[in-house]
Structure formats: C-alpha cells, structure tokens
Amino acid sequence: MDLYTLAVQIVVGTIILAPVLWLAGRALVGKEKAKFLDAVWIILLGTIIGAVVGSFVGGLVSAILMFIIWLALIKHFFDCGWLMAFAIAIIAVILFVIIAIVLGLLLGIAFILLPVALP
C-alpha cells in the first residue's frame, strides 16, 4: 500500500463523495442527523479501513466486508438503522452516477466545442 495513493484517494473521495453522501443522508434521515462533517468522517474512515482491509484480505471476502463496514459507518454517523443506511448508500450511488454522467456530458460538449471557439 502506497501512502501517497491513499492520501490522494482520501482527498479525492472527500471532495467528490462526501457531498453526495451528505445529500443522500440529508434527504433520508434529515438535516439534524446527517451533518456534512459526518459524511466527511464516513468517507475518510471508509477509505482508510478499506485500504487496510484490502491489503490483508482480498477478493470477494474483502468486498463483502467493506460493504458491511461502509453500512456500519453510515449507520453510526447518521444515527439510523441498517435498512436506512443501505437506502442512503443506494441513493448516494445513484446521485453519484447522475452527477458523473452530467459532468461527463458537459465536459464532452466542452471538448467538442473548444476547437471551434479557438482561433
């Protein structure tokens, strides 16, 4: 495990995933339970624990274990049950995919139009 790679994963994950997770949590459990700093902690701890678990355990066992850990982190920080944590995770993934598609389309259009706009 490279510490530089882990640091990049933490920073990028926090910048991109924390707002999405916060929005999903806020929509499902309310603004009193889903704080932005809690979403940052979930991403930070999930990334670090994922790197450690991934370095010791591999394959399907690691994926299942990490899924349970991510749900436990959501459950703990957003003060909800397991089913609600699962729903928050699903909504966060859907939001992330929608945002990624929209950004991809916008960037794709920008790259197509960029040569036309340049002299």
PDB file of N, CA and C in Angstrom:
ATOM      1  N   MET A   1       0.842  -1.171   0.000  1.00  0.00           N
ATOM      2  CA  MET A   1       0.000   0.000   0.000  1.00  0.00           C
ATOM      3  C   MET A   1       0.890   1.238   0.000  1.00  0.00           C
ATOM      4  N   ASP A   2       0.649   2.104  -0.951  1.00  0.00           N
ATOM      5  CA  ASP A   2       1.408   3.340  -1.089  1.00  0.00           C
ATOM      6  C   ASP A   2       0.677   4.460  -0.343  1.00  0.00           C
ATOM      7  N   LEU A   3       1.380   5.166   0.537  1.00  0.00           N
ATOM      8  CA  LEU A   3       0.748   6.221   1.327  1.00  0.00           C
ATOM      9  C   LEU A   3       0.332   7.411   0.465  1.00  0.00           C
ATOM     10  N   TYR A   4       1.096   7.687  -0.585  1.00  0.00           N
ATOM     11  CA  TYR A   4       0.730   8.775  -1.494  1.00  0.00           C
ATOM     12  C   TYR A   4      -0.609   8.474  -2.176  1.00  0.00           C
ATOM     13  N   THR A   5      -0.784   7.251  -2.642  1.00  0.00           N
ATOM     14  CA  THR A   5      -2.032   6.845  -3.284  1.00  0.00           C
ATOM     15  C   THR A   5      -3.191   6.922  -2.310  1.00  0.00           C
ATOM     16  N   LEU A   6      -2.961   6.488  -1.075  1.00  0.00           N
ATOM     17  CA  LEU A   6      -4.002   6.559  -0.054  1.00  0.00           C
ATOM     18  C   LEU A   6      -4.393   8.007   0.216  1.00  0.00           C
ATOM     19  N   ALA A   7      -3.411   8.899   0.290  1.00  0.00           N
ATOM     20  CA  ALA A   7      -3.699  10.316   0.533  1.00  0.00           C
ATOM     21  C   ALA A   7      -4.522  10.909  -0.607  1.00  0.00           C
ATOM     22  N   VAL A   8      -4.185  10.549  -1.839  1.00  0.00           N
ATOM     23  CA  VAL A   8      -4.940  11.044  -2.994  1.00  0.00           C
ATOM     24  C   VAL A   8      -6.367  10.503  -2.957  1.00  0.00           C
ATOM     25  N   GLN A   9      -6.520   9.219  -2.620  1.00  0.00           N
ATOM     26  CA  GLN A   9      -7.853   8.630  -2.512  1.00  0.00           C
ATOM     27  C   GLN A   9      -8.683   9.329  -1.456  1.00  0.00           C
ATOM     28  N   ILE A  10      -8.072   9.661  -0.329  1.00  0.00           N
ATOM     29  CA  ILE A  10      -8.788  10.339   0.751  1.00  0.00           C
ATOM     30  C   ILE A  10      -9.236  11.730   0.307  1.00  0.00           C
ATOM     31  N   VAL A  11      -8.333  12.479  -0.299  1.00  0.00           N
ATOM     32  CA  VAL A  11      -8.665  13.849  -0.715  1.00  0.00           C
ATOM     33  C   VAL A  11      -9.736  13.839  -1.802  1.00  0.00           C
ATOM     34  N   VAL A  12      -9.540  13.032  -2.832  1.00  0.00           N
ATOM     35  CA  VAL A  12     -10.497  12.987  -3.939  1.00  0.00           C
ATOM     36  C   VAL A  12     -11.836  12.431  -3.459  1.00  0.00           C
ATOM     37  N   GLY A  13     -11.789  11.385  -2.656  1.00  0.00           N
ATOM     38  CA  GLY A  13     -13.024  10.811  -2.118  1.00  0.00           C
ATOM     39  C   GLY A  13     -13.800  11.801  -1.268  1.00  0.00           C
ATOM     40  N   THR A  14     -13.077  12.560  -0.471  1.00  0.00           N
ATOM     41  CA  THR A  14     -13.734  13.548   0.380  1.00  0.00           C
ATOM     42  C   THR A  14     -14.358  14.663  -0.453  1.00  0.00           C
ATOM     43  N   ILE A  15     -13.643  15.135  -1.452  1.00  0.00           N
ATOM     44  CA  ILE A  15     -14.157  16.229  -2.276  1.00  0.00           C
ATOM     45  C   ILE A  15     -15.356  15.783  -3.113  1.00  0.00           C
ATOM     46  N   ILE A  16     -15.305  14.579  -3.653  1.00  0.00           N
ATOM     47  CA  ILE A  16     -16.349  14.129  -4.578  1.00  0.00           C
ATOM     48  C   ILE A  16     -17.477  13.382  -3.866  1.00  0.00           C
ATOM     49  N   LEU A  17     -17.137  12.457  -2.981  1.00  0.00           N
ATOM     50  CA  LEU A  17     -18.157  11.589  -2.405  1.00  0.00           C
ATOM     51  C   LEU A  17     -18.852  12.149  -1.167  1.00  0.00           C
ATOM     52  N   ALA A  18     -18.152  12.933  -0.360  1.00  0.00           N
ATOM     53  CA  ALA A  18     -18.764  13.445   0.867  1.00  0.00           C
ATOM     54  C   ALA A  18     -20.009  14.288   0.597  1.00  0.00           C
ATOM     55  N   PRO A  19     -19.984  15.222  -0.371  1.00  0.00           N
ATOM     56  CA  PRO A  19     -21.219  15.977  -0.631  1.00  0.00           C
ATOM     57  C   PRO A  19     -22.376  15.093  -1.117  1.00  0.00           C
ATOM     58  N   VAL A  20     -22.067  14.092  -1.922  1.00  0.00           N
ATOM     59  CA  VAL A  20     -23.110  13.195  -2.425  1.00  0.00           C
ATOM     60  C   VAL A  20     -23.703  12.382  -1.274  1.00  0.00           C
ATOM     61  N   LEU A  21     -22.853  11.848  -0.421  1.00  0.00           N
ATOM     62  CA  LEU A  21     -23.317  11.077   0.730  1.00  0.00           C
ATOM     63  C   LEU A  21     -24.110  11.959   1.687  1.00  0.00           C
ATOM     64  N   TRP A  22     -23.652  13.189   1.877  1.00  0.00           N
ATOM     65  CA  TRP A  22     -24.351  14.131   2.750  1.00  0.00           C
ATOM     66  C   TRP A  22     -25.743  14.445   2.206  1.00  0.00           C
ATOM     67  N   LEU A  23     -25.853  14.677   0.899  1.00  0.00           N
ATOM     68  CA  LEU A  23     -27.159  14.962   0.300  1.00  0.00           C
ATOM     69  C   LEU A  23     -28.109  13.774   0.437  1.00  0.00           C
ATOM     70  N   ALA A  24     -27.599  12.573   0.220  1.00  0.00           N
ATOM     71  CA  ALA A  24     -28.434  11.377   0.356  1.00  0.00           C
ATOM     72  C   ALA A  24     -28.871  11.189   1.804  1.00  0.00           C
ATOM     73  N   GLY A  25     -27.945  11.373   2.732  1.00  0.00           N
ATOM     74  CA  GLY A  25     -28.291  11.243   4.146  1.00  0.00           C
ATOM     75  C   GLY A  25     -29.271  12.302   4.591  1.00  0.00           C
ATOM     76  N   ARG A  26     -29.058  13.515   4.142  1.00  0.00           N
ATOM     77  CA  ARG A  26     -29.943  14.627   4.499  1.00  0.00           C
ATOM     78  C   ARG A  26     -31.357  14.400   3.964  1.00  0.00           C
ATOM     79  N   ALA A  27     -31.453  13.823   2.772  1.00  0.00           N
ATOM     80  CA  ALA A  27     -32.762  13.553   2.176  1.00  0.00           C
ATOM     81  C   ALA A  27     -33.516  12.460   2.922  1.00  0.00           C
ATOM     82  N   LEU A  28     -32.798  11.483   3.457  1.00  0.00           N
ATOM     83  CA  LEU A  28     -33.471  10.334   4.064  1.00  0.00           C
ATOM     84  C   LEU A  28     -33.592  10.397   5.583  1.00  0.00           C
ATOM     85  N   VAL A  29     -32.611  10.967   6.280  1.00  0.00           N
ATOM     86  CA  VAL A  29     -32.708  10.998   7.745  1.00  0.00           C
ATOM     87  C   VAL A  29     -32.871  12.405   8.298  1.00  0.00           C
ATOM     88  N   GLY A  30     -32.755  13.420   7.460  1.00  0.00           N
ATOM     89  CA  GLY A  30     -32.970  14.787   7.911  1.00  0.00           C
ATOM     90  C   GLY A  30     -31.678  15.511   8.227  1.00  0.00           C
ATOM     91  N   LYS A  31     -31.798  16.837   8.285  1.00  0.00           N
ATOM     92  CA  LYS A  31     -30.609  17.653   8.493  1.00  0.00           C
ATOM     93  C   LYS A  31     -30.082  17.594   9.925  1.00  0.00           C
ATOM     94  N   GLU A  32     -30.897  17.144  10.869  1.00  0.00           N
ATOM     95  CA  GLU A  32     -30.429  17.039  12.256  1.00  0.00           C
ATOM     96  C   GLU A  32     -29.451  15.886  12.439  1.00  0.00           C
ATOM     97  N   LYS A  33     -29.644  14.807  11.689  1.00  0.00           N
ATOM     98  CA  LYS A  33     -28.800  13.618  11.845  1.00  0.00           C
ATOM     99  C   LYS A  33     -27.670  13.551  10.833  1.00  0.00           C
ATOM    100  N   ALA A  34     -27.882  14.074   9.645  1.00  0.00           N
ATOM    101  CA  ALA A  34     -26.884  13.971   8.579  1.00  0.00           C
ATOM    102  C   ALA A  34     -26.126  15.291   8.460  1.00  0.00           C
ATOM    103  N   LYS A  35     -25.032  15.386   9.143  1.00  0.00           N
ATOM    104  CA  LYS A  35     -24.180  16.578   9.086  1.00  0.00           C
ATOM    105  C   LYS A  35     -23.095  16.354   8.037  1.00  0.00           C
ATOM    106  N   PHE A  36     -22.641  17.454   7.430  1.00  0.00           N
ATOM    107  CA  PHE A  36     -21.610  17.338   6.387  1.00  0.00           C
ATOM    108  C   PHE A  36     -20.318  16.759   6.957  1.00  0.00           C
ATOM    109  N   LEU A  37     -19.940  17.172   8.168  1.00  0.00           N
ATOM    110  CA  LEU A  37     -18.715  16.654   8.782  1.00  0.00           C
ATOM    111  C   LEU A  37     -18.814  15.150   9.027  1.00  0.00           C
ATOM    112  N   ASP A  38     -20.014  14.672   9.325  1.00  0.00           N
ATOM    113  CA  ASP A  38     -20.209  13.224   9.479  1.00  0.00           C
ATOM    114  C   ASP A  38     -19.954  12.498   8.151  1.00  0.00           C
ATOM    115  N   ALA A  39     -20.415  13.090   7.054  1.00  0.00           N
ATOM    116  CA  ALA A  39     -20.175  12.486   5.739  1.00  0.00           C
ATOM    117  C   ALA A  39     -18.685  12.455   5.430  1.00  0.00           C
ATOM    118  N   VAL A  40     -17.973  13.520   5.809  1.00  0.00           N
ATOM    119  CA  VAL A  40     -16.524  13.551   5.609  1.00  0.00           C
ATOM    120  C   VAL A  40     -15.858  12.445   6.417  1.00  0.00           C
ATOM    121  N   TRP A  41     -16.275  12.268   7.668  1.00  0.00           N
ATOM    122  CA  TRP A  41     -15.709  11.200   8.502  1.00  0.00           C
ATOM    123  C   TRP A  41     -15.999   9.823   7.926  1.00  0.00           C
ATOM    124  N   ILE A  42     -17.205   9.623   7.400  1.00  0.00           N
ATOM    125  CA  ILE A  42     -17.542   8.332   6.798  1.00  0.00           C
ATOM    126  C   ILE A  42     -16.599   8.031   5.637  1.00  0.00           C
ATOM    127  N   ILE A  43     -16.393   9.015   4.769  1.00  0.00           N
ATOM    128  CA  ILE A  43     -15.515   8.816   3.612  1.00  0.00           C
ATOM    129  C   ILE A  43     -14.077   8.604   4.059  1.00  0.00           C
ATOM    130  N   LEU A  44     -13.612   9.412   5.009  1.00  0.00           N
ATOM    131  CA  LEU A  44     -12.239   9.308   5.500  1.00  0.00           C
ATOM    132  C   LEU A  44     -11.981   7.941   6.125  1.00  0.00           C
ATOM    133  N   LEU A  45     -12.819   7.554   7.077  1.00  0.00           N
ATOM    134  CA  LEU A  45     -12.626   6.265   7.752  1.00  0.00           C
ATOM    135  C   LEU A  45     -12.854   5.087   6.804  1.00  0.00           C
ATOM    136  N   GLY A  46     -13.858   5.194   5.936  1.00  0.00           N
ATOM    137  CA  GLY A  46     -14.125   4.116   4.983  1.00  0.00           C
ATOM    138  C   GLY A  46     -12.967   3.885   4.030  1.00  0.00           C
ATOM    139  N   THR A  47     -12.343   4.972   3.587  1.00  0.00           N
ATOM    140  CA  THR A  47     -11.204   4.844   2.679  1.00  0.00           C
ATOM    141  C   THR A  47      -9.999   4.227   3.385  1.00  0.00           C
ATOM    142  N   ILE A  48      -9.720   4.687   4.584  1.00  0.00           N
ATOM    143  CA  ILE A  48      -8.572   4.161   5.337  1.00  0.00           C
ATOM    144  C   ILE A  48      -8.796   2.697   5.706  1.00  0.00           C
ATOM    145  N   ILE A  49      -9.966   2.388   6.245  1.00  0.00           N
ATOM    146  CA  ILE A  49     -10.264   0.998   6.625  1.00  0.00           C
ATOM    147  C   ILE A  49     -10.266   0.109   5.384  1.00  0.00           C
ATOM    148  N   GLY A  50     -10.790   0.631   4.275  1.00  0.00           N
ATOM    149  CA  GLY A  50     -10.804  -0.135   3.024  1.00  0.00           C
ATOM    150  C   GLY A  50      -9.409  -0.462   2.536  1.00  0.00           C
ATOM    151  N   ALA A  51      -8.492   0.490   2.679  1.00  0.00           N
ATOM    152  CA  ALA A  51      -7.110   0.240   2.261  1.00  0.00           C
ATOM    153  C   ALA A  51      -6.459  -0.821   3.137  1.00  0.00           C
ATOM    154  N   VAL A  52      -6.720  -0.754   4.433  1.00  0.00           N
ATOM    155  CA  VAL A  52      -6.134  -1.732   5.359  1.00  0.00           C
ATOM    156  C   VAL A  52      -6.722  -3.120   5.117  1.00  0.00           C
ATOM    157  N   VAL A  53      -8.046  -3.193   5.021  1.00  0.00           N
ATOM    158  CA  VAL A  53      -8.698  -4.486   4.792  1.00  0.00           C
ATOM    159  C   VAL A  53      -8.274  -5.060   3.441  1.00  0.00           C
ATOM    160  N   GLY A  54      -8.208  -4.200   2.415  1.00  0.00           N
ATOM    161  CA  GLY A  54      -7.814  -4.653   1.092  1.00  0.00           C
ATOM    162  C   GLY A  54      -6.394  -5.180   1.030  1.00  0.00           C
ATOM    163  N   SER A  55      -5.513  -4.670   1.912  1.00  0.00           N
ATOM    164  CA  SER A  55      -4.137  -5.148   1.898  1.00  0.00           C
ATOM    165  C   SER A  55      -3.981  -6.488   2.612  1.00  0.00           C
ATOM    166  N   PHE A  56      -4.907  -6.818   3.513  1.00  0.00           N
ATOM    167  CA  PHE A  56      -4.813  -8.085   4.239  1.00  0.00           C
ATOM    168  C   PHE A  56      -5.724  -9.175   3.660  1.00  0.00           C
ATOM    169  N   VAL A  57      -6.905  -8.770   3.228  1.00  0.00           N
ATOM    170  CA  VAL A  57      -7.893  -9.719   2.716  1.00  0.00           C
ATOM    171  C   VAL A  57      -8.200  -9.314   1.291  1.00  0.00           C
ATOM    172  N   GLY A  58      -8.322 -10.259   0.415  1.00  0.00           N
ATOM    173  CA  GLY A  58      -8.578  -9.920  -0.979  1.00  0.00           C
ATOM    174  C   GLY A  58      -9.840 -10.562  -1.507  1.00  0.00           C
ATOM    175  N   GLY A  59     -10.222 -10.140  -2.682  1.00  0.00           N
ATOM    176  CA  GLY A  59     -11.315 -10.762  -3.405  1.00  0.00           C
ATOM    177  C   GLY A  59     -12.690 -10.456  -2.871  1.00  0.00           C
ATOM    178  N   LEU A  60     -13.558 -11.432  -2.997  1.00  0.00           N
ATOM    179  CA  LEU A  60     -14.960 -11.285  -2.628  1.00  0.00           C
ATOM    180  C   LEU A  60     -15.138 -11.057  -1.133  1.00  0.00           C
ATOM    181  N   VAL A  61     -14.325 -11.692  -0.307  1.00  0.00           N
ATOM    182  CA  VAL A  61     -14.411 -11.525   1.143  1.00  0.00           C
ATOM    183  C   VAL A  61     -14.154 -10.064   1.516  1.00  0.00           C
ATOM    184  N   SER A  62     -13.174  -9.461   0.893  1.00  0.00           N
ATOM    185  CA  SER A  62     -12.856  -8.065   1.143  1.00  0.00           C
ATOM    186  C   SER A  62     -14.007  -7.158   0.722  1.00  0.00           C
ATOM    187  N   ALA A  63     -14.607  -7.438  -0.424  1.00  0.00           N
ATOM    188  CA  ALA A  63     -15.718  -6.619  -0.911  1.00  0.00           C
ATOM    189  C   ALA A  63     -16.922  -6.705   0.023  1.00  0.00           C
ATOM    190  N   ILE A  64     -17.250  -7.892   0.474  1.00  0.00           N
ATOM    191  CA  ILE A  64     -18.376  -8.071   1.393  1.00  0.00           C
ATOM    192  C   ILE A  64     -18.089  -7.392   2.724  1.00  0.00           C
ATOM    193  N   LEU A  65     -16.892  -7.572   3.229  1.00  0.00           N
ATOM    194  CA  LEU A  65     -16.500  -6.951   4.490  1.00  0.00           C
ATOM    195  C   LEU A  65     -16.548  -5.430   4.402  1.00  0.00           C
ATOM    196  N   MET A  66     -16.059  -4.886   3.303  1.00  0.00           N
ATOM    197  CA  MET A  66     -16.068  -3.433   3.136  1.00  0.00           C
ATOM    198  C   MET A  66     -17.486  -2.890   2.972  1.00  0.00           C
ATOM    199  N   PHE A  67     -18.355  -3.635   2.315  1.00  0.00           N
ATOM    200  CA  PHE A  67     -19.754  -3.227   2.196  1.00  0.00           C
ATOM    201  C   PHE A  67     -20.391  -3.108   3.571  1.00  0.00           C
ATOM    202  N   ILE A  68     -20.149  -4.088   4.421  1.00  0.00           N
ATOM    203  CA  ILE A  68     -20.687  -4.069   5.786  1.00  0.00           C
ATOM    204  C   ILE A  68     -20.081  -2.920   6.586  1.00  0.00           C
ATOM    205  N   ILE A  69     -18.787  -2.668   6.415  1.00  0.00           N
ATOM    206  CA  ILE A  69     -18.130  -1.574   7.139  1.00  0.00           C
ATOM    207  C   ILE A  69     -18.687  -0.228   6.693  1.00  0.00           C
ATOM    208  N   TRP A  70     -18.861  -0.034   5.381  1.00  0.00           N
ATOM    209  CA  TRP A  70     -19.437   1.231   4.898  1.00  0.00           C
ATOM    210  C   TRP A  70     -20.831   1.427   5.472  1.00  0.00           C
ATOM    211  N   LEU A  71     -21.666   0.380   5.476  1.00  0.00           N
ATOM    212  CA  LEU A  71     -23.002   0.490   6.053  1.00  0.00           C
ATOM    213  C   LEU A  71     -22.946   0.801   7.539  1.00  0.00           C
ATOM    214  N   ALA A  72     -22.000   0.175   8.244  1.00  0.00           N
ATOM    215  CA  ALA A  72     -21.858   0.435   9.687  1.00  0.00           C
ATOM    216  C   ALA A  72     -21.438   1.886   9.947  1.00  0.00           C
ATOM    217  N   LEU A  73     -20.561   2.412   9.105  1.00  0.00           N
ATOM    218  CA  LEU A  73     -20.153   3.808   9.255  1.00  0.00           C
ATOM    219  C   LEU A  73     -21.331   4.756   9.010  1.00  0.00           C
ATOM    220  N   ILE A  74     -22.106   4.493   7.980  1.00  0.00           N
ATOM    221  CA  ILE A  74     -23.286   5.317   7.699  1.00  0.00           C
ATOM    222  C   ILE A  74     -24.277   5.212   8.851  1.00  0.00           C
ATOM    223  N   LYS A  75     -24.498   3.993   9.320  1.00  0.00           N
ATOM    224  CA  LYS A  75     -25.422   3.754  10.433  1.00  0.00           C
ATOM    225  C   LYS A  75     -24.991   4.515  11.678  1.00  0.00           C
ATOM    226  N   HIS A  76     -23.722   4.466  11.976  1.00  0.00           N
ATOM    227  CA  HIS A  76     -23.205   5.116  13.188  1.00  0.00           C
ATOM    228  C   HIS A  76     -23.264   6.644  13.094  1.00  0.00           C
ATOM    229  N   PHE A  77     -22.716   7.196  12.020  1.00  0.00           N
ATOM    230  CA  PHE A  77     -22.605   8.650  11.927  1.00  0.00           C
ATOM    231  C   PHE A  77     -23.928   9.341  11.625  1.00  0.00           C
ATOM    232  N   PHE A  78     -24.812   8.700  10.873  1.00  0.00           N
ATOM    233  CA  PHE A  78     -26.102   9.305  10.544  1.00  0.00           C
ATOM    234  C   PHE A  78     -27.204   8.846  11.491  1.00  0.00           C
ATOM    235  N   ASP A  79     -26.853   8.063  12.497  1.00  0.00           N
ATOM    236  CA  ASP A  79     -27.772   7.632  13.554  1.00  0.00           C
ATOM    237  C   ASP A  79     -29.065   7.057  12.971  1.00  0.00           C
ATOM    238  N   CYS A  80     -28.906   5.966  12.229  1.00  0.00           N
ATOM    239  CA  CYS A  80     -30.062   5.330  11.611  1.00  0.00           C
ATOM    240  C   CYS A  80     -29.906   3.816  11.710  1.00  0.00           C
ATOM    241  N   GLY A  81     -30.885   3.092  11.202  1.00  0.00           N
ATOM    242  CA  GLY A  81     -30.823   1.635  11.205  1.00  0.00           C
ATOM    243  C   GLY A  81     -30.091   1.104   9.980  1.00  0.00           C
ATOM    244  N   TRP A  82     -29.947  -0.224   9.963  1.00  0.00           N
ATOM    245  CA  TRP A  82     -29.226  -0.866   8.862  1.00  0.00           C
ATOM    246  C   TRP A  82     -29.934  -0.669   7.524  1.00  0.00           C
ATOM    247  N   LEU A  83     -31.260  -0.779   7.535  1.00  0.00           N
ATOM    248  CA  LEU A  83     -32.012  -0.633   6.298  1.00  0.00           C
ATOM    249  C   LEU A  83     -31.914   0.798   5.761  1.00  0.00           C
ATOM    250  N   MET A  84     -31.990   1.773   6.660  1.00  0.00           N
ATOM    251  CA  MET A  84     -31.857   3.166   6.238  1.00  0.00           C
ATOM    252  C   MET A  84     -30.437   3.445   5.746  1.00  0.00           C
ATOM    253  N   ALA A  85     -29.438   2.845   6.388  1.00  0.00           N
ATOM    254  CA  ALA A  85     -28.052   3.003   5.924  1.00  0.00           C
ATOM    255  C   ALA A  85     -27.900   2.434   4.517  1.00  0.00           C
ATOM    256  N   PHE A  86     -28.537   1.302   4.272  1.00  0.00           N
ATOM    257  CA  PHE A  86     -28.499   0.708   2.930  1.00  0.00           C
ATOM    258  C   PHE A  86     -29.183   1.627   1.914  1.00  0.00           C
ATOM    259  N   ALA A  87     -30.324   2.204   2.300  1.00  0.00           N
ATOM    260  CA  ALA A  87     -31.039   3.119   1.401  1.00  0.00           C
ATOM    261  C   ALA A  87     -30.200   4.365   1.116  1.00  0.00           C
ATOM    262  N   ILE A  88     -29.524   4.895   2.125  1.00  0.00           N
ATOM    263  CA  ILE A  88     -28.659   6.062   1.932  1.00  0.00           C
ATOM    264  C   ILE A  88     -27.528   5.709   0.967  1.00  0.00           C
ATOM    265  N   ALA A  89     -26.947   4.526   1.130  1.00  0.00           N
ATOM    266  CA  ALA A  89     -25.860   4.098   0.240  1.00  0.00           C
ATOM    267  C   ALA A  89     -26.350   3.976  -1.197  1.00  0.00           C
ATOM    268  N   ILE A  90     -27.527   3.404  -1.396  1.00  0.00           N
ATOM    269  CA  ILE A  90     -28.076   3.243  -2.736  1.00  0.00           C
ATOM    270  C   ILE A  90     -28.363   4.610  -3.368  1.00  0.00           C
ATOM    271  N   ILE A  91     -28.981   5.502  -2.615  1.00  0.00           N
ATOM    272  CA  ILE A  91     -29.291   6.844  -3.131  1.00  0.00           C
ATOM    273  C   ILE A  91     -27.996   7.589  -3.449  1.00  0.00           C
ATOM    274  N   ALA A  92     -26.983   7.447  -2.599  1.00  0.00           N
ATOM    275  CA  ALA A  92     -25.699   8.117  -2.847  1.00  0.00           C
ATOM    276  C   ALA A  92     -25.066   7.610  -4.139  1.00  0.00           C
ATOM    277  N   VAL A  93     -25.130   6.319  -4.381  1.00  0.00           N
ATOM    278  CA  VAL A  93     -24.575   5.761  -5.622  1.00  0.00           C
ATOM    279  C   VAL A  93     -25.341   6.291  -6.837  1.00  0.00           C
ATOM    280  N   ILE A  94     -26.667   6.328  -6.747  1.00  0.00           N
ATOM    281  CA  ILE A  94     -27.476   6.831  -7.852  1.00  0.00           C
ATOM    282  C   ILE A  94     -27.161   8.305  -8.118  1.00  0.00           C
ATOM    283  N   LEU A  95     -27.086   9.120  -7.050  1.00  0.00           N
ATOM    284  CA  LEU A  95     -26.727  10.530  -7.209  1.00  0.00           C
ATOM    285  C   LEU A  95     -25.348  10.694  -7.832  1.00  0.00           C
ATOM    286  N   PHE A  96     -24.394   9.891  -7.380  1.00  0.00           N
ATOM    287  CA  PHE A  96     -23.039   9.969  -7.910  1.00  0.00           C
ATOM    288  C   PHE A  96     -23.010   9.639  -9.406  1.00  0.00           C
ATOM    289  N   VAL A  97     -23.734   8.606  -9.796  1.00  0.00           N
ATOM    290  CA  VAL A  97     -23.770   8.215 -11.206  1.00  0.00           C
ATOM    291  C   VAL A  97     -24.406   9.325 -12.046  1.00  0.00           C
ATOM    292  N   ILE A  98     -25.492   9.912 -11.559  1.00  0.00           N
ATOM    293  CA  ILE A  98     -26.147  11.000 -12.296  1.00  0.00           C
ATOM    294  C   ILE A  98     -25.207  12.189 -12.438  1.00  0.00           C
ATOM    295  N   ILE A  99     -24.548  12.581 -11.350  1.00  0.00           N
ATOM    296  CA  ILE A  99     -23.609  13.703 -11.399  1.00  0.00           C
ATOM    297  C   ILE A  99     -22.451  13.397 -12.345  1.00  0.00           C
ATOM    298  N   ALA A 100     -21.938  12.174 -12.295  1.00  0.00           N
ATOM    299  CA  ALA A 100     -20.823  11.793 -13.170  1.00  0.00           C
ATOM    300  C   ALA A 100     -21.236  11.843 -14.637  1.00  0.00           C
ATOM    301  N   ILE A 101     -22.440  11.389 -14.934  1.00  0.00           N
ATOM    302  CA  ILE A 101     -22.917  11.416 -16.319  1.00  0.00           C
ATOM    303  C   ILE A 101     -23.093  12.852 -16.796  1.00  0.00           C
ATOM    304  N   VAL A 102     -23.708  13.694 -15.968  1.00  0.00           N
ATOM    305  CA  VAL A 102     -23.917  15.092 -16.342  1.00  0.00           C
ATOM    306  C   VAL A 102     -22.581  15.795 -16.549  1.00  0.00           C
ATOM    307  N   LEU A 103     -21.652  15.604 -15.630  1.00  0.00           N
ATOM    308  CA  LEU A 103     -20.339  16.227 -15.792  1.00  0.00           C
ATOM    309  C   LEU A 103     -19.612  15.694 -17.016  1.00  0.00           C
ATOM    310  N   GLY A 104     -19.732  14.409 -17.264  1.00  0.00           N
ATOM    311  CA  GLY A 104     -19.114  13.824 -18.453  1.00  0.00           C
ATOM    312  C   GLY A 104     -19.687  14.399 -19.734  1.00  0.00           C
ATOM    313  N   LEU A 105     -20.999  14.567 -19.759  1.00  0.00           N
ATOM    314  CA  LEU A 105     -21.632  15.163 -20.940  1.00  0.00           C
ATOM    315  C   LEU A 105     -21.211  16.616 -21.117  1.00  0.00           C
ATOM    316  N   LEU A 106     -21.177  17.366 -20.011  1.00  0.00           N
ATOM    317  CA  LEU A 106     -20.774  18.773 -20.099  1.00  0.00           C
ATOM    318  C   LEU A 106     -19.325  18.908 -20.548  1.00  0.00           C
ATOM    319  N   LEU A 107     -18.452  18.079 -20.000  1.00  0.00           N
ATOM    320  CA  LEU A 107     -17.056  18.127 -20.413  1.00  0.00           C
ATOM    321  C   LEU A 107     -16.891  17.663 -21.857  1.00  0.00           C
ATOM    322  N   GLY A 108     -17.660  16.664 -22.243  1.00  0.00           N
ATOM    323  CA  GLY A 108     -17.600  16.191 -23.621  1.00  0.00           C
ATOM    324  C   GLY A 108     -18.038  17.258 -24.602  1.00  0.00           C
ATOM    325  N   ILE A 109     -19.102  17.954 -24.270  1.00  0.00           N
ATOM    326  CA  ILE A 109     -19.568  19.047 -25.123  1.00  0.00           C
ATOM    327  C   ILE A 109     -18.539  20.165 -25.151  1.00  0.00           C
ATOM    328  N   ALA A 110     -17.936  20.445 -23.993  1.00  0.00           N
ATOM    329  CA  ALA A 110     -16.920  21.499 -23.940  1.00  0.00           C
ATOM    330  C   ALA A 110     -15.718  21.140 -24.809  1.00  0.00           C
ATOM    331  N   PHE A 111     -15.297  19.898 -24.786  1.00  0.00           N
ATOM    332  CA  PHE A 111     -14.146  19.493 -25.598  1.00  0.00           C
ATOM    333  C   PHE A 111     -14.474  19.463 -27.086  1.00  0.00           C
ATOM    334  N   ILE A 112     -15.738  19.221 -27.401  1.00  0.00           N
ATOM    335  CA  ILE A 112     -16.141  19.258 -28.802  1.00  0.00           C
ATOM    336  C   ILE A 112     -16.192  20.697 -29.304  1.00  0.00           C
ATOM    337  N   LEU A 113     -16.706  21.593 -28.466  1.00  0.00           N
ATOM    338  CA  LEU A 113     -16.852  22.999 -28.872  1.00  0.00           C
ATOM    339  C   LEU A 113     -15.568  23.800 -28.722  1.00  0.00           C
ATOM    340  N   LEU A 114     -14.642  23.319 -27.904  1.00  0.00           N
ATOM    341  CA  LEU A 114     -13.408  24.066 -27.645  1.00  0.00           C
ATOM    342  C   LEU A 114     -12.604  24.351 -28.923  1.00  0.00           C
ATOM    343  N   PRO A 115     -12.383  23.383 -29.802  1.00  0.00           N
ATOM    344  CA  PRO A 115     -11.620  23.700 -31.023  1.00  0.00           C
ATOM    345  C   PRO A 115     -12.332  24.728 -31.914  1.00  0.00           C
ATOM    346  N   VAL A 116     -13.659  24.746 -31.868  1.00  0.00           N
ATOM    347  CA  VAL A 116     -14.406  25.712 -32.674  1.00  0.00           C
ATOM    348  C   VAL A 116     -14.215  27.111 -32.131  1.00  0.00           C
ATOM    349  N   ALA A 117     -14.123  27.239 -30.799  1.00  0.00           N
ATOM    350  CA  ALA A 117     -14.011  28.551 -30.173  1.00  0.00           C
ATOM    351  C   ALA A 117     -12.590  29.115 -30.256  1.00  0.00           C
ATOM    352  N   LEU A 118     -11.606  28.259 -30.450  1.00  0.00           N
ATOM    353  CA  LEU A 118     -10.224  28.738 -30.522  1.00  0.00           C
ATOM    354  C   LEU A 118      -9.925  29.302 -31.906  1.00  0.00           C
ATOM    355  N   PRO A 119      -9.148  30.390 -31.978  1.00  0.00           N
ATOM    356  CA  PRO A 119      -8.823  30.982 -33.294  1.00  0.00           C
ATOM    357  C   PRO A 119      -7.859  30.125 -34.090  1.00  0.00           C
TER     358      PRO A 119
END
